[in-house]
All heavy atoms as atom14 arrays in JSON, in Angstrom:
{
  "sequence": "FVAEKLSIFDTEYLKPFVERGSNFKNRIGREEEVSGEIRSSI",
  "atom14_mask": [
    [1, 1, 1, 1, 1, 1, 1, 1, 1, 1, 1, 0, 0, 0],
    [1, 1, 1, 1, 1, 1, 1, 0, 0, 0, 0, 0, 0, 0],
    [1, 1, 1, 1, 1, 0, 0, 0, 0, 0, 0, 0, 0, 0],
    [1, 1, 1, 1, 1, 1, 1, 1, 1, 0, 0, 0, 0, 0],
    [1, 1, 1, 1, 1, 1, 1, 1, 1, 0, 0, 0, 0, 0],
    [1, 1, 1, 1, 1, 1, 1, 1, 0, 0, 0, 0, 0, 0],
    [1, 1, 1, 1, 1, 1, 0, 0, 0, 0, 0, 0, 0, 0],
    [1, 1, 1, 1, 1, 1, 1, 1, 0, 0, 0, 0, 0, 0],
    [1, 1, 1, 1, 1, 1, 1, 1, 1, 1, 1, 0, 0, 0],
    [1, 1, 1, 1, 1, 1, 1, 1, 0, 0, 0, 0, 0, 0],
    [1, 1, 1, 1, 1, 1, 1, 0, 0, 0, 0, 0, 0, 0],
    [1, 1, 1, 1, 1, 1, 1, 1, 1, 0, 0, 0, 0, 0],
    [1, 1, 1, 1, 1, 1, 1, 1, 1, 1, 1, 1, 0, 0],
    [1, 1, 1, 1, 1, 1, 1, 1, 0, 0, 0, 0, 0, 0],
    [1, 1, 1, 1, 1, 1, 1, 1, 1, 0, 0, 0, 0, 0],
    [1, 1, 1, 1, 1, 1, 1, 0, 0, 0, 0, 0, 0, 0],
    [1, 1, 1, 1, 1, 1, 1, 1, 1, 1, 1, 0, 0, 0],
    [1, 1, 1, 1, 1, 1, 1, 0, 0, 0, 0, 0, 0, 0],
    [1, 1, 1, 1, 1, 1, 1, 1, 1, 0, 0, 0, 0, 0],
    [1, 1, 1, 1, 1, 1, 1, 1, 1, 1, 1, 0, 0, 0],
    [1, 1, 1, 1, 0, 0, 0, 0, 0, 0, 0, 0, 0, 0],
    [1, 1, 1, 1, 1, 1, 0, 0, 0, 0, 0, 0, 0, 0],
    [1, 1, 1, 1, 1, 1, 1, 1, 0, 0, 0, 0, 0, 0],
    [1, 1, 1, 1, 1, 1, 1, 1, 1, 1, 1, 0, 0, 0],
    [1, 1, 1, 1, 1, 1, 1, 1, 1, 0, 0, 0, 0, 0],
    [1, 1, 1, 1, 1, 1, 1, 1, 0, 0, 0, 0, 0, 0],
    [1, 1, 1, 1, 1, 1, 1, 1, 1, 1, 1, 0, 0, 0],
    [1, 1, 1, 1, 1, 1, 1, 1, 0, 0, 0, 0, 0, 0],
    [1, 1, 1, 1, 0, 0, 0, 0, 0, 0, 0, 0, 0, 0],
    [1, 1, 1, 1, 1, 1, 1, 1, 1, 1, 1, 0, 0, 0],
    [1, 1, 1, 1, 1, 1, 1, 1, 1, 0, 0, 0, 0, 0],
    [1, 1, 1, 1, 1, 1, 1, 1, 1, 0, 0, 0, 0, 0],
    [1, 1, 1, 1, 1, 1, 1, 1, 1, 0, 0, 0, 0, 0],
    [1, 1, 1, 1, 1, 1, 1, 0, 0, 0, 0, 0, 0, 0],
    [1, 1, 1, 1, 1, 1, 0, 0, 0, 0, 0, 0, 0, 0],
    [1, 1, 1, 1, 0, 0, 0, 0, 0, 0, 0, 0, 0, 0],
    [1, 1, 1, 1, 1, 1, 1, 1, 1, 0, 0, 0, 0, 0],
    [1, 1, 1, 1, 1, 1, 1, 1, 0, 0, 0, 0, 0, 0],
    [1, 1, 1, 1, 1, 1, 1, 1, 1, 1, 1, 0, 0, 0],
    [1, 1, 1, 1, 1, 1, 0, 0, 0, 0, 0, 0, 0, 0],
    [1, 1, 1, 1, 1, 1, 0, 0, 0, 0, 0, 0, 0, 0],
    [1, 1, 1, 1, 1, 1, 1, 1, 0, 0, 0, 0, 0, 0]
  ],
  "atom14_positions": [
    [[-34.95, 174.09, 280.66], [-35.02, 175.37, 281.32], [-33.56, 175.85, 281.72], [-33.25, 176.97, 281.88], [-35.73, 175.27, 282.54], [-35.79, 176.44, 283.5], [-36.5, 177.69, 283.16], [-35.14, 176.43, 284.78], [-36.61, 178.8, 284.01], [-35.17, 177.45, 285.62], [-35.81, 178.69, 285.17], [0.0, 0.0, 0.0], [0.0, 0.0, 0.0], [0.0, 0.0, 0.0]],
    [[-32.79, 174.75, 282.13], [-31.42, 175.19, 282.56], [-30.45, 175.05, 281.39], [-29.49, 175.95, 281.32], [-31.04, 174.11, 283.79], [-29.51, 174.15, 284.07], [-31.81, 174.19, 284.91], [0.0, 0.0, 0.0], [0.0, 0.0, 0.0], [0.0, 0.0, 0.0], [0.0, 0.0, 0.0], [0.0, 0.0, 0.0], [0.0, 0.0, 0.0], [0.0, 0.0, 0.0]],
    [[-30.45, 174.06, 280.52], [-29.44, 173.91, 279.51], [-30.05, 173.64, 278.15], [-30.69, 172.73, 278.01], [-28.55, 172.68, 280.05], [0.0, 0.0, 0.0], [0.0, 0.0, 0.0], [0.0, 0.0, 0.0], [0.0, 0.0, 0.0], [0.0, 0.0, 0.0], [0.0, 0.0, 0.0], [0.0, 0.0, 0.0], [0.0, 0.0, 0.0], [0.0, 0.0, 0.0]],
    [[-29.62, 174.55, 277.31], [-29.88, 174.24, 275.89], [-29.06, 173.04, 275.49], [-27.98, 172.86, 275.95], [-29.49, 175.45, 275.07], [-30.33, 176.67, 275.22], [-31.83, 176.66, 275.0], [-32.09, 175.71, 274.09], [-32.65, 177.27, 275.51], [0.0, 0.0, 0.0], [0.0, 0.0, 0.0], [0.0, 0.0, 0.0], [0.0, 0.0, 0.0], [0.0, 0.0, 0.0]],
    [[-29.58, 172.19, 274.63], [-28.92, 170.99, 274.08], [-27.55, 171.24, 273.53], [-26.7, 170.31, 273.64], [-29.89, 170.22, 273.12], [-31.2, 169.75, 273.74], [-31.91, 168.96, 272.71], [-33.26, 168.43, 273.38], [-34.08, 167.64, 272.41], [0.0, 0.0, 0.0], [0.0, 0.0, 0.0], [0.0, 0.0, 0.0], [0.0, 0.0, 0.0], [0.0, 0.0, 0.0]],
    [[-27.32, 172.3, 273.02], [-26.07, 172.58, 272.27], [-25.05, 173.21, 273.28], [-23.92, 173.57, 272.81], [-26.23, 173.55, 271.19], [-27.12, 172.83, 269.9], [-27.19, 173.91, 268.76], [-26.52, 171.57, 269.46], [0.0, 0.0, 0.0], [0.0, 0.0, 0.0], [0.0, 0.0, 0.0], [0.0, 0.0, 0.0], [0.0, 0.0, 0.0], [0.0, 0.0, 0.0]],
    [[-25.48, 173.67, 274.57], [-24.59, 174.22, 275.25], [-23.89, 173.35, 276.35], [-24.57, 172.84, 277.31], [-25.37, 175.34, 276.22], [-24.51, 175.9, 277.26], [0.0, 0.0, 0.0], [0.0, 0.0, 0.0], [0.0, 0.0, 0.0], [0.0, 0.0, 0.0], [0.0, 0.0, 0.0], [0.0, 0.0, 0.0], [0.0, 0.0, 0.0], [0.0, 0.0, 0.0]],
    [[-22.59, 173.03, 276.09], [-21.94, 172.17, 277.0], [-21.77, 172.81, 278.44], [-21.84, 172.26, 279.39], [-20.56, 171.74, 276.31], [-20.73, 171.05, 274.97], [-19.76, 171.05, 277.3], [-19.52, 170.8, 274.28], [0.0, 0.0, 0.0], [0.0, 0.0, 0.0], [0.0, 0.0, 0.0], [0.0, 0.0, 0.0], [0.0, 0.0, 0.0], [0.0, 0.0, 0.0]],
    [[-21.49, 174.07, 278.4], [-21.3, 174.76, 279.67], [-22.63, 174.63, 280.52], [-22.46, 174.33, 281.67], [-20.97, 176.26, 279.4], [-20.86, 177.03, 280.56], [-19.73, 177.03, 281.43], [-21.9, 177.87, 281.05], [-19.65, 177.62, 282.67], [-21.77, 178.59, 282.33], [-20.51, 178.61, 283.05], [0.0, 0.0, 0.0], [0.0, 0.0, 0.0], [0.0, 0.0, 0.0]],
    [[-23.65, 174.9, 280.0], [-24.89, 174.99, 280.85], [-25.16, 173.45, 281.26], [-25.95, 173.39, 282.42], [-26.16, 175.46, 280.0], [-26.04, 176.79, 279.85], [-25.38, 177.59, 280.55], [-26.87, 177.44, 278.93], [0.0, 0.0, 0.0], [0.0, 0.0, 0.0], [0.0, 0.0, 0.0], [0.0, 0.0, 0.0], [0.0, 0.0, 0.0], [0.0, 0.0, 0.0]],
    [[-24.87, 172.51, 280.67], [-25.24, 171.15, 281.12], [-24.48, 170.8, 282.39], [-24.99, 169.88, 283.06], [-24.89, 170.08, 279.93], [-23.63, 170.12, 279.7], [-25.63, 170.32, 278.84], [0.0, 0.0, 0.0], [0.0, 0.0, 0.0], [0.0, 0.0, 0.0], [0.0, 0.0, 0.0], [0.0, 0.0, 0.0], [0.0, 0.0, 0.0], [0.0, 0.0, 0.0]],
    [[-23.43, 171.46, 282.69], [-22.59, 171.27, 283.96], [-23.68, 171.41, 285.15], [-23.54, 170.81, 286.19], [-21.54, 172.24, 284.01], [-20.45, 171.98, 283.13], [-19.72, 170.75, 283.37], [-19.19, 170.57, 284.56], [-19.62, 169.8, 282.56], [0.0, 0.0, 0.0], [0.0, 0.0, 0.0], [0.0, 0.0, 0.0], [0.0, 0.0, 0.0], [0.0, 0.0, 0.0]],
    [[-24.72, 172.45, 285.03], [-25.56, 172.69, 286.08], [-26.44, 171.44, 286.42], [-27.08, 171.4, 287.55], [-26.51, 173.91, 285.74], [-25.76, 175.26, 285.82], [-25.64, 175.96, 284.59], [-25.3, 175.72, 287.0], [-25.02, 177.15, 284.59], [-24.75, 176.97, 287.0], [-24.53, 177.73, 285.83], [-24.03, 178.85, 285.84], [0.0, 0.0, 0.0], [0.0, 0.0, 0.0]],
    [[-26.66, 170.55, 285.58], [-27.55, 169.37, 285.77], [-26.9, 168.27, 286.32], [-27.46, 167.29, 286.65], [-27.98, 168.97, 284.43], [-28.91, 170.07, 283.57], [-29.48, 169.41, 282.31], [-30.05, 170.53, 284.56], [0.0, 0.0, 0.0], [0.0, 0.0, 0.0], [0.0, 0.0, 0.0], [0.0, 0.0, 0.0], [0.0, 0.0, 0.0], [0.0, 0.0, 0.0]],
    [[-25.56, 168.45, 286.79], [-24.81, 167.29, 287.44], [-25.56, 166.76, 288.72], [-25.45, 165.6, 288.9], [-23.33, 167.73, 287.7], [-22.46, 167.69, 286.41], [-21.08, 167.84, 286.81], [-20.15, 167.73, 285.58], [-18.62, 168.01, 285.97], [0.0, 0.0, 0.0], [0.0, 0.0, 0.0], [0.0, 0.0, 0.0], [0.0, 0.0, 0.0], [0.0, 0.0, 0.0]],
    [[-26.07, 167.68, 289.52], [-26.78, 167.02, 290.67], [-27.84, 166.04, 290.43], [-28.17, 165.19, 291.22], [-27.15, 168.19, 291.49], [-26.39, 169.34, 290.95], [-26.08, 169.08, 289.54], [0.0, 0.0, 0.0], [0.0, 0.0, 0.0], [0.0, 0.0, 0.0], [0.0, 0.0, 0.0], [0.0, 0.0, 0.0], [0.0, 0.0, 0.0], [0.0, 0.0, 0.0]],
    [[-28.35, 166.28, 289.23], [-29.56, 165.32, 288.82], [-29.06, 164.2, 287.92], [-29.62, 163.07, 287.98], [-30.58, 166.02, 288.03], [-31.32, 167.21, 288.77], [-30.97, 168.54, 288.75], [-32.3, 166.78, 289.75], [-31.52, 169.52, 289.47], [-33.15, 167.82, 290.5], [-32.6, 169.14, 290.36], [0.0, 0.0, 0.0], [0.0, 0.0, 0.0], [0.0, 0.0, 0.0]],
    [[-28.0, 164.38, 287.16], [-27.52, 163.4, 286.16], [-26.51, 162.65, 286.65], [-26.44, 161.34, 286.49], [-27.08, 164.09, 284.86], [-26.54, 163.18, 283.91], [-28.2, 164.99, 284.24], [0.0, 0.0, 0.0], [0.0, 0.0, 0.0], [0.0, 0.0, 0.0], [0.0, 0.0, 0.0], [0.0, 0.0, 0.0], [0.0, 0.0, 0.0], [0.0, 0.0, 0.0]],
    [[-25.48, 163.11, 287.39], [-24.22, 162.35, 287.83], [-24.34, 162.26, 289.36], [-24.12, 163.24, 290.08], [-23.12, 163.02, 287.36], [-22.96, 163.09, 285.79], [-21.56, 163.64, 285.38], [-20.81, 163.9, 286.13], [-21.51, 163.95, 284.22], [0.0, 0.0, 0.0], [0.0, 0.0, 0.0], [0.0, 0.0, 0.0], [0.0, 0.0, 0.0], [0.0, 0.0, 0.0]],
    [[-24.52, 161.12, 289.81], [-24.65, 160.88, 291.33], [-23.31, 160.44, 291.94], [-22.92, 159.3, 291.59], [-25.77, 159.95, 291.57], [-27.15, 160.43, 291.1], [-27.4, 161.8, 291.57], [-28.82, 162.32, 291.08], [-29.93, 161.92, 291.63], [-30.01, 160.94, 292.47], [-31.07, 162.61, 291.18], [0.0, 0.0, 0.0], [0.0, 0.0, 0.0], [0.0, 0.0, 0.0]],
    [[-22.73, 161.18, 292.7], [-21.5, 160.79, 293.41], [-21.77, 159.93, 294.52], [-22.95, 159.68, 294.93], [0.0, 0.0, 0.0], [0.0, 0.0, 0.0], [0.0, 0.0, 0.0], [0.0, 0.0, 0.0], [0.0, 0.0, 0.0], [0.0, 0.0, 0.0], [0.0, 0.0, 0.0], [0.0, 0.0, 0.0], [0.0, 0.0, 0.0], [0.0, 0.0, 0.0]],
    [[-20.68, 159.27, 295.11], [-20.92, 158.35, 296.19], [-21.57, 159.06, 297.4], [-22.04, 158.3, 298.26], [-19.53, 157.78, 296.63], [-18.68, 158.7, 296.85], [0.0, 0.0, 0.0], [0.0, 0.0, 0.0], [0.0, 0.0, 0.0], [0.0, 0.0, 0.0], [0.0, 0.0, 0.0], [0.0, 0.0, 0.0], [0.0, 0.0, 0.0], [0.0, 0.0, 0.0]],
    [[-21.29, 160.34, 297.63], [-21.82, 161.01, 298.79], [-23.13, 161.71, 298.55], [-23.7, 162.39, 299.34], [-20.8, 162.09, 299.25], [-20.63, 163.19, 298.22], [-20.82, 163.0, 297.04], [-20.17, 164.34, 298.67], [0.0, 0.0, 0.0], [0.0, 0.0, 0.0], [0.0, 0.0, 0.0], [0.0, 0.0, 0.0], [0.0, 0.0, 0.0], [0.0, 0.0, 0.0]],
    [[-23.83, 161.34, 297.46], [-25.12, 161.98, 297.04], [-26.23, 161.25, 297.79], [-26.22, 160.07, 297.97], [-25.36, 161.87, 295.53], [-26.88, 162.31, 295.18], [-27.01, 163.67, 294.96], [-27.85, 161.5, 295.07], [-28.28, 164.13, 294.6], [-29.0, 161.84, 294.83], [-29.35, 163.25, 294.58], [0.0, 0.0, 0.0], [0.0, 0.0, 0.0], [0.0, 0.0, 0.0]],
    [[-27.29, 162.1, 298.27], [-28.53, 161.48, 298.67], [-29.61, 162.44, 298.31], [-29.42, 163.73, 298.2], [-28.48, 161.35, 300.14], [-27.89, 162.47, 301.11], [-27.7, 161.98, 302.49], [-27.29, 163.26, 303.42], [-26.0, 163.81, 302.99], [0.0, 0.0, 0.0], [0.0, 0.0, 0.0], [0.0, 0.0, 0.0], [0.0, 0.0, 0.0], [0.0, 0.0, 0.0]],
    [[-30.85, 162.02, 298.13], [-31.98, 162.83, 297.61], [-32.32, 163.83, 298.72], [-32.7, 164.92, 298.35], [-33.18, 161.96, 297.35], [-32.9, 161.17, 296.08], [-32.3, 160.02, 296.23], [-33.4, 161.59, 294.93], [0.0, 0.0, 0.0], [0.0, 0.0, 0.0], [0.0, 0.0, 0.0], [0.0, 0.0, 0.0], [0.0, 0.0, 0.0], [0.0, 0.0, 0.0]],
    [[-32.21, 163.56, 299.99], [-32.6, 164.42, 301.14], [-31.39, 165.35, 301.44], [-30.23, 164.94, 301.65], [-33.12, 163.63, 302.3], [-33.27, 164.47, 303.58], [-33.5, 163.64, 304.77], [-33.67, 164.31, 305.92], [-32.77, 164.88, 306.86], [-31.41, 164.34, 306.49], [-32.99, 165.51, 307.89], [0.0, 0.0, 0.0], [0.0, 0.0, 0.0], [0.0, 0.0, 0.0]],
    [[-31.66, 166.66, 301.49], [-30.77, 167.66, 302.04], [-31.35, 168.15, 303.44], [-32.33, 168.83, 303.36], [-30.6, 168.77, 301.15], [-30.18, 168.28, 299.75], [-29.66, 169.84, 301.61], [-30.33, 169.26, 298.57], [0.0, 0.0, 0.0], [0.0, 0.0, 0.0], [0.0, 0.0, 0.0], [0.0, 0.0, 0.0], [0.0, 0.0, 0.0], [0.0, 0.0, 0.0]],
    [[-30.75, 167.63, 304.43], [-31.41, 167.83, 305.87], [-31.22, 169.34, 306.28], [-30.21, 169.92, 305.89], [0.0, 0.0, 0.0], [0.0, 0.0, 0.0], [0.0, 0.0, 0.0], [0.0, 0.0, 0.0], [0.0, 0.0, 0.0], [0.0, 0.0, 0.0], [0.0, 0.0, 0.0], [0.0, 0.0, 0.0], [0.0, 0.0, 0.0], [0.0, 0.0, 0.0]],
    [[-32.09, 169.77, 307.05], [-32.12, 171.12, 307.61], [-30.78, 171.38, 308.35], [-30.36, 172.45, 308.69], [-33.43, 171.32, 308.5], [-33.47, 170.45, 309.6], [-34.92, 170.39, 310.22], [-35.1, 169.45, 311.29], [-35.17, 168.14, 311.04], [-35.13, 167.59, 309.92], [-35.23, 167.29, 312.19], [0.0, 0.0, 0.0], [0.0, 0.0, 0.0], [0.0, 0.0, 0.0]],
    [[-30.22, 170.36, 308.92], [-28.95, 170.49, 309.64], [-27.78, 170.75, 308.76], [-26.69, 171.07, 309.3], [-28.78, 169.22, 310.56], [-28.4, 167.96, 309.87], [-29.49, 167.25, 309.08], [-30.74, 167.69, 309.29], [-29.26, 166.31, 308.39], [0.0, 0.0, 0.0], [0.0, 0.0, 0.0], [0.0, 0.0, 0.0], [0.0, 0.0, 0.0], [0.0, 0.0, 0.0]],
    [[-27.91, 170.53, 307.65], [-26.78, 170.63, 306.6], [-26.42, 172.02, 306.28], [-27.39, 172.91, 306.11], [-26.93, 169.78, 305.49], [-27.04, 168.29, 305.72], [-27.18, 167.5, 304.48], [-26.44, 167.73, 303.54], [-27.97, 166.43, 304.5], [0.0, 0.0, 0.0], [0.0, 0.0, 0.0], [0.0, 0.0, 0.0], [0.0, 0.0, 0.0], [0.0, 0.0, 0.0]],
    [[-25.07, 172.37, 306.27], [-24.85, 173.73, 306.09], [-25.36, 174.46, 304.8], [-25.81, 175.58, 304.86], [-23.28, 173.88, 306.04], [-22.65, 175.35, 305.8], [-21.22, 175.42, 305.81], [-20.58, 174.3, 306.2], [-20.67, 176.46, 305.62], [0.0, 0.0, 0.0], [0.0, 0.0, 0.0], [0.0, 0.0, 0.0], [0.0, 0.0, 0.0], [0.0, 0.0, 0.0]],
    [[-25.44, 173.7, 303.74], [-25.98, 174.18, 302.41], [-27.46, 174.46, 302.43], [-27.97, 175.15, 301.63], [-25.55, 173.34, 301.32], [-26.4, 172.01, 301.34], [-25.63, 174.07, 300.02], [0.0, 0.0, 0.0], [0.0, 0.0, 0.0], [0.0, 0.0, 0.0], [0.0, 0.0, 0.0], [0.0, 0.0, 0.0], [0.0, 0.0, 0.0], [0.0, 0.0, 0.0]],
    [[-28.29, 173.79, 303.33], [-29.63, 173.87, 303.43], [-30.24, 175.13, 303.47], [-31.14, 175.56, 302.88], [-30.18, 172.9, 304.57], [-31.56, 172.89, 304.52], [0.0, 0.0, 0.0], [0.0, 0.0, 0.0], [0.0, 0.0, 0.0], [0.0, 0.0, 0.0], [0.0, 0.0, 0.0], [0.0, 0.0, 0.0], [0.0, 0.0, 0.0], [0.0, 0.0, 0.0]],
    [[-29.73, 175.92, 304.52], [-30.33, 177.24, 304.72], [-30.14, 178.13, 303.41], [-31.12, 178.96, 303.1], [0.0, 0.0, 0.0], [0.0, 0.0, 0.0], [0.0, 0.0, 0.0], [0.0, 0.0, 0.0], [0.0, 0.0, 0.0], [0.0, 0.0, 0.0], [0.0, 0.0, 0.0], [0.0, 0.0, 0.0], [0.0, 0.0, 0.0], [0.0, 0.0, 0.0]],
    [[-29.0, 178.13, 302.72], [-28.86, 178.84, 301.58], [-29.86, 178.48, 300.42], [-30.37, 179.42, 299.71], [-27.4, 178.74, 301.14], [-26.35, 179.3, 301.96], [-24.97, 179.14, 301.41], [-24.68, 179.82, 300.4], [-24.14, 178.39, 301.95], [0.0, 0.0, 0.0], [0.0, 0.0, 0.0], [0.0, 0.0, 0.0], [0.0, 0.0, 0.0], [0.0, 0.0, 0.0]],
    [[-29.94, 177.16, 300.31], [-30.87, 176.73, 299.29], [-32.32, 177.22, 299.66], [-33.1, 177.53, 298.8], [-30.8, 175.25, 299.14], [-29.45, 174.71, 298.59], [-32.0, 174.7, 298.3], [-29.25, 173.33, 298.51], [0.0, 0.0, 0.0], [0.0, 0.0, 0.0], [0.0, 0.0, 0.0], [0.0, 0.0, 0.0], [0.0, 0.0, 0.0], [0.0, 0.0, 0.0]],
    [[-32.8, 177.03, 300.81], [-34.04, 177.39, 301.24], [-34.3, 178.96, 300.9], [-35.37, 179.33, 300.45], [-34.4, 177.21, 302.78], [-34.54, 175.72, 303.06], [-35.27, 175.58, 304.45], [-34.58, 176.2, 305.56], [-33.59, 175.86, 306.21], [-33.04, 174.61, 306.0], [-33.09, 176.62, 307.23], [0.0, 0.0, 0.0], [0.0, 0.0, 0.0], [0.0, 0.0, 0.0]],
    [[-33.4, 179.7, 301.15], [-33.33, 181.15, 301.04], [-33.65, 181.46, 299.57], [-34.54, 182.32, 299.14], [-32.17, 181.85, 301.52], [-32.21, 183.23, 301.21], [0.0, 0.0, 0.0], [0.0, 0.0, 0.0], [0.0, 0.0, 0.0], [0.0, 0.0, 0.0], [0.0, 0.0, 0.0], [0.0, 0.0, 0.0], [0.0, 0.0, 0.0], [0.0, 0.0, 0.0]],
    [[-32.96, 180.69, 298.72], [-32.98, 180.95, 297.17], [-34.4, 180.44, 296.62], [-35.01, 181.1, 295.87], [-31.95, 180.19, 296.61], [-30.66, 180.87, 296.75], [0.0, 0.0, 0.0], [0.0, 0.0, 0.0], [0.0, 0.0, 0.0], [0.0, 0.0, 0.0], [0.0, 0.0, 0.0], [0.0, 0.0, 0.0], [0.0, 0.0, 0.0], [0.0, 0.0, 0.0]],
    [[-34.93, 179.41, 297.35], [-36.21, 178.94, 296.95], [-37.28, 179.9, 297.27], [-38.19, 180.18, 296.46], [-36.54, 177.56, 297.65], [-35.61, 176.49, 297.09], [-38.0, 177.12, 297.36], [-35.7, 175.11, 297.74], [0.0, 0.0, 0.0], [0.0, 0.0, 0.0], [0.0, 0.0, 0.0], [0.0, 0.0, 0.0], [0.0, 0.0, 0.0], [0.0, 0.0, 0.0]]
  ]
}
């Protein structure tokens, strides 16, 4: 849905699911700055 297999550019969008940084966690708390923006988009 996000990335065609041949599109290197689109696969960048999948990094939050594919490449987990040291500061990654599955939960995005309501207190976090990015949370409100994500909820609005959902």
